[in-house]
Amino acid sequence: NQLSITTKIDREHPKLKEYAKSNGWWDGEKE
């Protein structure tokens, strides 16, 4: 009942990081 995948990501949604960046959740620089 919670997210537990941190930095070891072997497959991902093709726009996972782009979406996070567009919402201001991730700066695109840190891991």
ModelCIF file with pLDDT and N, C-alpha, C, O atoms, coordinates in Angstrom:
data_MODEL
#
_entry.id   MODEL 
#
_entity.id                         1 
_entity.type                       polymer 
_entity.pdbx_number_of_molecules   1 
#
_entity_poly.entity_id                      1 
_entity_poly.type                           'polypeptide(L)' 
_entity_poly.nstd_linkage                   no 
_entity_poly.nstd_monomer                   no 
_entity_poly.pdbx_seq_one_letter_code       NQLSITTKIDREHPKLKEYAKSNGWWDGEKE 
_entity_poly.pdbx_seq_one_letter_code_can   NQLSITTKIDREHPKLKEYAKSNGWWDGEKE 
_entity_poly.pdbx_strand_id                 A 
#
loop_
_entity_poly_seq.entity_id 
_entity_poly_seq.num 
_entity_poly_seq.mon_id 
_entity_poly_seq.hetero 
1 1  ASN n 
1 2  GLN n 
1 3  LEU n 
1 4  SER n 
1 5  ILE n 
1 6  THR n 
1 7  THR n 
1 8  LYS n 
1 9  ILE n 
1 10 ASP n 
1 11 ARG n 
1 12 GLU n 
1 13 HIS n 
1 14 PRO n 
1 15 LYS n 
1 16 LEU n 
1 17 LYS n 
1 18 GLU n 
1 19 TYR n 
1 20 ALA n 
1 21 LYS n 
1 22 SER n 
1 23 ASN n 
1 24 GLY n 
1 25 TRP n 
1 26 TRP n 
1 27 ASP n 
1 28 GLY n 
1 29 GLU n 
1 30 LYS n 
1 31 GLU n 
#
_struct_asym.id          A 
_struct_asym.entity_id   1 
#
loop_
_ma_qa_metric.id 
_ma_qa_metric.mode 
_ma_qa_metric.name 
_ma_qa_metric.software_group_id 
_ma_qa_metric.type 
1 global pLDDT . pLDDT 
2 local  pLDDT . pLDDT 
#
_ma_qa_metric_global.metric_id      1 
_ma_qa_metric_global.metric_value   95.29 
_ma_qa_metric_global.model_id       1 
_ma_qa_metric_global.ordinal_id     1 
#
loop_
_ma_qa_metric_local.label_asym_id 
_ma_qa_metric_local.label_comp_id 
_ma_qa_metric_local.label_seq_id 
_ma_qa_metric_local.metric_id 
_ma_qa_metric_local.metric_value 
_ma_qa_metric_local.model_id 
_ma_qa_metric_local.ordinal_id 
A ASN 1  2 77.00 1 1  
A GLN 2  2 84.00 1 2  
A LEU 3  2 90.00 1 3  
A SER 4  2 92.00 1 4  
A ILE 5  2 96.00 1 5  
A THR 6  2 95.00 1 6  
A THR 7  2 97.00 1 7  
A LYS 8  2 97.00 1 8  
A ILE 9  2 98.00 1 9  
A ASP 10 2 98.00 1 10 
A ARG 11 2 98.00 1 11 
A GLU 12 2 98.00 1 12 
A HIS 13 2 97.00 1 13 
A PRO 14 2 97.00 1 14 
A LYS 15 2 97.00 1 15 
A LEU 16 2 97.00 1 16 
A LYS 17 2 98.00 1 17 
A GLU 18 2 98.00 1 18 
A TYR 19 2 97.00 1 19 
A ALA 20 2 97.00 1 20 
A LYS 21 2 97.00 1 21 
A SER 22 2 97.00 1 22 
A ASN 23 2 95.00 1 23 
A GLY 24 2 95.00 1 24 
A TRP 25 2 95.00 1 25 
A TRP 26 2 96.00 1 26 
A ASP 27 2 96.00 1 27 
A GLY 28 2 96.00 1 28 
A GLU 29 2 96.00 1 29 
A LYS 30 2 96.00 1 30 
A GLU 31 2 97.00 1 31 
#
loop_
_atom_site.group_PDB 
_atom_site.id 
_atom_site.type_symbol 
_atom_site.label_atom_id 
_atom_site.label_alt_id 
_atom_site.label_comp_id 
_atom_site.label_asym_id 
_atom_site.label_entity_id 
_atom_site.label_seq_id 
_atom_site.pdbx_PDB_ins_code 
_atom_site.Cartn_x 
_atom_site.Cartn_y 
_atom_site.Cartn_z 
_atom_site.occupancy 
_atom_site.B_iso_or_equiv 
_atom_site.pdbx_formal_charge 
_atom_site.auth_seq_id 
_atom_site.auth_comp_id 
_atom_site.auth_asym_id 
_atom_site.auth_atom_id 
_atom_site.pdbx_PDB_model_num 
ATOM 1   N N  . ASN A 1 1  ? 0.795  -1.232 0.000   1.00 77.00 ? 1  ASN A N  1 
ATOM 2   C CA . ASN A 1 1  ? 0.000  0.000  0.000   1.00 77.00 ? 1  ASN A CA 1 
ATOM 3   C C  . ASN A 1 1  ? 0.827  1.281  0.000   1.00 77.00 ? 1  ASN A C  1 
ATOM 4   O O  . ASN A 1 1  ? 0.390  2.293  0.547   1.00 77.00 ? 1  ASN A O  1 
ATOM 5   N N  . GLN A 1 2  ? 1.984  1.255  -0.588  1.00 84.00 ? 2  GLN A N  1 
ATOM 6   C CA . GLN A 1 2  ? 2.775  2.466  -0.748  1.00 84.00 ? 2  GLN A CA 1 
ATOM 7   C C  . GLN A 1 2  ? 3.805  2.196  -1.834  1.00 84.00 ? 2  GLN A C  1 
ATOM 8   O O  . GLN A 1 2  ? 4.130  1.043  -2.117  1.00 84.00 ? 2  GLN A O  1 
ATOM 9   N N  . LEU A 1 3  ? 4.308  3.238  -2.430  1.00 90.00 ? 3  LEU A N  1 
ATOM 10  C CA . LEU A 1 3  ? 5.344  3.061  -3.438  1.00 90.00 ? 3  LEU A CA 1 
ATOM 11  C C  . LEU A 1 3  ? 6.661  2.720  -2.756  1.00 90.00 ? 3  LEU A C  1 
ATOM 12  O O  . LEU A 1 3  ? 7.015  3.307  -1.734  1.00 90.00 ? 3  LEU A O  1 
ATOM 13  N N  . SER A 1 4  ? 7.381  1.761  -3.335  1.00 92.00 ? 4  SER A N  1 
ATOM 14  C CA . SER A 1 4  ? 8.646  1.345  -2.729  1.00 92.00 ? 4  SER A CA 1 
ATOM 15  C C  . SER A 1 4  ? 9.791  1.263  -3.735  1.00 92.00 ? 4  SER A C  1 
ATOM 16  O O  . SER A 1 4  ? 10.936 1.028  -3.350  1.00 92.00 ? 4  SER A O  1 
ATOM 17  N N  . ILE A 1 5  ? 9.497  1.453  -5.007  1.00 96.00 ? 5  ILE A N  1 
ATOM 18  C CA . ILE A 1 5  ? 10.567 1.486  -6.004  1.00 96.00 ? 5  ILE A CA 1 
ATOM 19  C C  . ILE A 1 5  ? 11.214 2.862  -5.919  1.00 96.00 ? 5  ILE A C  1 
ATOM 20  O O  . ILE A 1 5  ? 10.543 3.884  -6.063  1.00 96.00 ? 5  ILE A O  1 
ATOM 21  N N  . THR A 1 6  ? 12.513 2.880  -5.687  1.00 95.00 ? 6  THR A N  1 
ATOM 22  C CA . THR A 1 6  ? 13.212 4.157  -5.536  1.00 95.00 ? 6  THR A CA 1 
ATOM 23  C C  . THR A 1 6  ? 14.006 4.455  -6.810  1.00 95.00 ? 6  THR A C  1 
ATOM 24  O O  . THR A 1 6  ? 13.433 4.919  -7.796  1.00 95.00 ? 6  THR A O  1 
ATOM 25  N N  . THR A 1 7  ? 15.297 4.199  -6.804  1.00 97.00 ? 7  THR A N  1 
ATOM 26  C CA . THR A 1 7  ? 16.137 4.565  -7.951  1.00 97.00 ? 7  THR A CA 1 
ATOM 27  C C  . THR A 1 7  ? 16.460 3.390  -8.870  1.00 97.00 ? 7  THR A C  1 
ATOM 28  O O  . THR A 1 7  ? 16.935 3.599  -9.987  1.00 97.00 ? 7  THR A O  1 
ATOM 29  N N  . LYS A 1 8  ? 16.211 2.152  -8.421  1.00 97.00 ? 8  LYS A N  1 
ATOM 30  C CA . LYS A 1 8  ? 16.441 0.988  -9.285  1.00 97.00 ? 8  LYS A CA 1 
ATOM 31  C C  . LYS A 1 8  ? 15.179 0.750  -10.111 1.00 97.00 ? 8  LYS A C  1 
ATOM 32  O O  . LYS A 1 8  ? 14.260 0.048  -9.690  1.00 97.00 ? 8  LYS A O  1 
ATOM 33  N N  . ILE A 1 9  ? 15.164 1.348  -11.289 1.00 98.00 ? 9  ILE A N  1 
ATOM 34  C CA . ILE A 1 9  ? 14.011 1.232  -12.191 1.00 98.00 ? 9  ILE A CA 1 
ATOM 35  C C  . ILE A 1 9  ? 14.499 0.539  -13.451 1.00 98.00 ? 9  ILE A C  1 
ATOM 36  O O  . ILE A 1 9  ? 15.375 1.047  -14.151 1.00 98.00 ? 9  ILE A O  1 
ATOM 37  N N  . ASP A 1 10 ? 13.929 -0.627 -13.736 1.00 98.00 ? 10 ASP A N  1 
ATOM 38  C CA . ASP A 1 10 ? 14.357 -1.400 -14.894 1.00 98.00 ? 10 ASP A CA 1 
ATOM 39  C C  . ASP A 1 10 ? 13.467 -1.182 -16.115 1.00 98.00 ? 10 ASP A C  1 
ATOM 40  O O  . ASP A 1 10 ? 13.920 -1.335 -17.250 1.00 98.00 ? 10 ASP A O  1 
ATOM 41  N N  . ARG A 1 11 ? 12.228 -0.833 -15.891 1.00 98.00 ? 11 ARG A N  1 
ATOM 42  C CA . ARG A 1 11 ? 11.312 -0.444 -16.970 1.00 98.00 ? 11 ARG A CA 1 
ATOM 43  C C  . ARG A 1 11 ? 10.438 0.677  -16.418 1.00 98.00 ? 11 ARG A C  1 
ATOM 44  O O  . ARG A 1 11 ? 10.176 0.732  -15.216 1.00 98.00 ? 11 ARG A O  1 
ATOM 45  N N  . GLU A 1 12 ? 9.990  1.568  -17.295 1.00 98.00 ? 12 GLU A N  1 
ATOM 46  C CA . GLU A 1 12 ? 9.171  2.693  -16.837 1.00 98.00 ? 12 GLU A CA 1 
ATOM 47  C C  . GLU A 1 12 ? 8.277  3.205  -17.951 1.00 98.00 ? 12 GLU A C  1 
ATOM 48  O O  . GLU A 1 12 ? 8.529  2.974  -19.134 1.00 98.00 ? 12 GLU A O  1 
ATOM 49  N N  . HIS A 1 13 ? 7.231  3.904  -17.550 1.00 97.00 ? 13 HIS A N  1 
ATOM 50  C CA . HIS A 1 13 ? 6.377  4.589  -18.511 1.00 97.00 ? 13 HIS A CA 1 
ATOM 51  C C  . HIS A 1 13 ? 7.262  5.539  -19.314 1.00 97.00 ? 13 HIS A C  1 
ATOM 52  O O  . HIS A 1 13 ? 8.113  6.211  -18.732 1.00 97.00 ? 13 HIS A O  1 
ATOM 53  N N  . PRO A 1 14 ? 7.084  5.613  -20.637 1.00 97.00 ? 14 PRO A N  1 
ATOM 54  C CA . PRO A 1 14 ? 7.985  6.438  -21.446 1.00 97.00 ? 14 PRO A CA 1 
ATOM 55  C C  . PRO A 1 14 ? 7.997  7.926  -21.078 1.00 97.00 ? 14 PRO A C  1 
ATOM 56  O O  . PRO A 1 14 ? 8.957  8.628  -21.395 1.00 97.00 ? 14 PRO A O  1 
ATOM 57  N N  . LYS A 1 15 ? 6.966  8.405  -20.428 1.00 97.00 ? 15 LYS A N  1 
ATOM 58  C CA . LYS A 1 15 ? 6.922  9.823  -20.052 1.00 97.00 ? 15 LYS A CA 1 
ATOM 59  C C  . LYS A 1 15 ? 6.923  10.024 -18.539 1.00 97.00 ? 15 LYS A C  1 
ATOM 60  O O  . LYS A 1 15 ? 6.521  11.081 -18.053 1.00 97.00 ? 15 LYS A O  1 
ATOM 61  N N  . LEU A 1 16 ? 7.373  9.011  -17.790 1.00 97.00 ? 16 LEU A N  1 
ATOM 62  C CA . LEU A 1 16 ? 7.372  9.062  -16.331 1.00 97.00 ? 16 LEU A CA 1 
ATOM 63  C C  . LEU A 1 16 ? 8.131  10.280 -15.805 1.00 97.00 ? 16 LEU A C  1 
ATOM 64  O O  . LEU A 1 16 ? 7.605  11.041 -14.992 1.00 97.00 ? 16 LEU A O  1 
ATOM 65  N N  . LYS A 1 17 ? 9.343  10.459 -16.261 1.00 98.00 ? 17 LYS A N  1 
ATOM 66  C CA . LYS A 1 17 ? 10.194 11.552 -15.769 1.00 98.00 ? 17 LYS A CA 1 
ATOM 67  C C  . LYS A 1 17 ? 9.733  12.896 -16.323 1.00 98.00 ? 17 LYS A C  1 
ATOM 68  O O  . LYS A 1 17 ? 9.746  13.905 -15.618 1.00 98.00 ? 17 LYS A O  1 
ATOM 69  N N  . GLU A 1 18 ? 9.328  12.899 -17.581 1.00 98.00 ? 18 GLU A N  1 
ATOM 70  C CA . GLU A 1 18 ? 8.842  14.141 -18.202 1.00 98.00 ? 18 GLU A CA 1 
ATOM 71  C C  . GLU A 1 18 ? 7.614  14.680 -17.452 1.00 98.00 ? 18 GLU A C  1 
ATOM 72  O O  . GLU A 1 18 ? 7.513  15.882 -17.207 1.00 98.00 ? 18 GLU A O  1 
ATOM 73  N N  . TYR A 1 19 ? 6.696  13.799 -17.094 1.00 97.00 ? 19 TYR A N  1 
ATOM 74  C CA . TYR A 1 19 ? 5.495  14.201 -16.370 1.00 97.00 ? 19 TYR A CA 1 
ATOM 75  C C  . TYR A 1 19 ? 5.842  14.746 -14.987 1.00 97.00 ? 19 TYR A C  1 
ATOM 76  O O  . TYR A 1 19 ? 5.284  15.752 -14.549 1.00 97.00 ? 19 TYR A O  1 
ATOM 77  N N  . ALA A 1 20 ? 6.766  14.075 -14.306 1.00 97.00 ? 20 ALA A N  1 
ATOM 78  C CA . ALA A 1 20 ? 7.194  14.535 -12.977 1.00 97.00 ? 20 ALA A CA 1 
ATOM 79  C C  . ALA A 1 20 ? 7.848  15.910 -13.075 1.00 97.00 ? 20 ALA A C  1 
ATOM 80  O O  . ALA A 1 20 ? 7.614  16.778 -12.234 1.00 97.00 ? 20 ALA A O  1 
ATOM 81  N N  . LYS A 1 21 ? 8.653  16.099 -14.090 1.00 97.00 ? 21 LYS A N  1 
ATOM 82  C CA . LYS A 1 21 ? 9.344  17.381 -14.267 1.00 97.00 ? 21 LYS A CA 1 
ATOM 83  C C  . LYS A 1 21 ? 8.339  18.493 -14.584 1.00 97.00 ? 21 LYS A C  1 
ATOM 84  O O  . LYS A 1 21 ? 8.455  19.602 -14.061 1.00 97.00 ? 21 LYS A O  1 
ATOM 85  N N  . SER A 1 22 ? 7.357  18.201 -15.435 1.00 97.00 ? 22 SER A N  1 
ATOM 86  C CA . SER A 1 22 ? 6.366  19.213 -15.816 1.00 97.00 ? 22 SER A CA 1 
ATOM 87  C C  . SER A 1 22 ? 5.488  19.637 -14.638 1.00 97.00 ? 22 SER A C  1 
ATOM 88  O O  . SER A 1 22 ? 4.931  20.735 -14.646 1.00 97.00 ? 22 SER A O  1 
ATOM 89  N N  . ASN A 1 23 ? 5.364  18.781 -13.632 1.00 95.00 ? 23 ASN A N  1 
ATOM 90  C CA . ASN A 1 23 ? 4.578  19.106 -12.436 1.00 95.00 ? 23 ASN A CA 1 
ATOM 91  C C  . ASN A 1 23 ? 5.428  19.712 -11.320 1.00 95.00 ? 23 ASN A C  1 
ATOM 92  O O  . ASN A 1 23 ? 4.907  20.048 -10.256 1.00 95.00 ? 23 ASN A O  1 
ATOM 93  N N  . GLY A 1 24 ? 6.726  19.852 -11.556 1.00 95.00 ? 24 GLY A N  1 
ATOM 94  C CA . GLY A 1 24 ? 7.602  20.425 -10.547 1.00 95.00 ? 24 GLY A CA 1 
ATOM 95  C C  . GLY A 1 24 ? 7.966  19.464 -9.425  1.00 95.00 ? 24 GLY A C  1 
ATOM 96  O O  . GLY A 1 24 ? 8.425  19.896 -8.368  1.00 95.00 ? 24 GLY A O  1 
ATOM 97  N N  . TRP A 1 25 ? 7.768  18.165 -9.641  1.00 95.00 ? 25 TRP A N  1 
ATOM 98  C CA . TRP A 1 25 ? 8.070  17.166 -8.614  1.00 95.00 ? 25 TRP A CA 1 
ATOM 99  C C  . TRP A 1 25 ? 9.535  16.742 -8.642  1.00 95.00 ? 25 TRP A C  1 
ATOM 100 O O  . TRP A 1 25 ? 10.065 16.242 -7.651  1.00 95.00 ? 25 TRP A O  1 
ATOM 101 N N  . TRP A 1 26 ? 10.186 16.949 -9.796  1.00 96.00 ? 26 TRP A N  1 
ATOM 102 C CA . TRP A 1 26 ? 11.570 16.525 -9.995  1.00 96.00 ? 26 TRP A CA 1 
ATOM 103 C C  . TRP A 1 26 ? 12.267 17.580 -10.827 1.00 96.00 ? 26 TRP A C  1 
ATOM 104 O O  . TRP A 1 26 ? 11.711 18.067 -11.811 1.00 96.00 ? 26 TRP A O  1 
ATOM 105 N N  . ASP A 1 27 ? 13.476 17.935 -10.440 1.00 96.00 ? 27 ASP A N  1 
ATOM 106 C CA . ASP A 1 27 ? 14.190 19.015 -11.135 1.00 96.00 ? 27 ASP A CA 1 
ATOM 107 C C  . ASP A 1 27 ? 14.926 18.556 -12.381 1.00 96.00 ? 27 ASP A C  1 
ATOM 108 O O  . ASP A 1 27 ? 15.464 19.392 -13.107 1.00 96.00 ? 27 ASP A O  1 
ATOM 109 N N  . GLY A 1 28 ? 14.968 17.261 -12.655 1.00 96.00 ? 28 GLY A N  1 
ATOM 110 C CA . GLY A 1 28 ? 15.648 16.758 -13.836 1.00 96.00 ? 28 GLY A CA 1 
ATOM 111 C C  . GLY A 1 28 ? 17.144 16.612 -13.658 1.00 96.00 ? 28 GLY A C  1 
ATOM 112 O O  . GLY A 1 28 ? 17.834 16.143 -14.563 1.00 96.00 ? 28 GLY A O  1 
ATOM 113 N N  . GLU A 1 29 ? 17.652 17.006 -12.510 1.00 96.00 ? 29 GLU A N  1 
ATOM 114 C CA . GLU A 1 29 ? 19.098 16.946 -12.284 1.00 96.00 ? 29 GLU A CA 1 
ATOM 115 C C  . GLU A 1 29 ? 19.488 15.887 -11.258 1.00 96.00 ? 29 GLU A C  1 
ATOM 116 O O  . GLU A 1 29 ? 20.392 15.089 -11.504 1.00 96.00 ? 29 GLU A O  1 
ATOM 117 N N  . LYS A 1 30 ? 18.815 15.874 -10.113 1.00 96.00 ? 30 LYS A N  1 
ATOM 118 C CA . LYS A 1 30 ? 19.176 14.868 -9.116  1.00 96.00 ? 30 LYS A CA 1 
ATOM 119 C C  . LYS A 1 30 ? 18.675 13.502 -9.586  1.00 96.00 ? 30 LYS A C  1 
ATOM 120 O O  . LYS A 1 30 ? 17.809 13.407 -10.456 1.00 96.00 ? 30 LYS A O  1 
ATOM 121 N N  . GLU A 1 31 ? 19.246 12.437 -8.986  1.00 97.00 ? 31 GLU A N  1 
ATOM 122 C CA . GLU A 1 31 ? 18.858 11.089 -9.382  1.00 97.00 ? 31 GLU A CA 1 
ATOM 123 C C  . GLU A 1 31 ? 17.352 10.914 -9.202  1.00 97.00 ? 31 GLU A C  1 
ATOM 124 O O  . GLU A 1 31 ? 16.818 9.840  -9.482  1.00 97.00 ? 31 GLU A O  1 
#
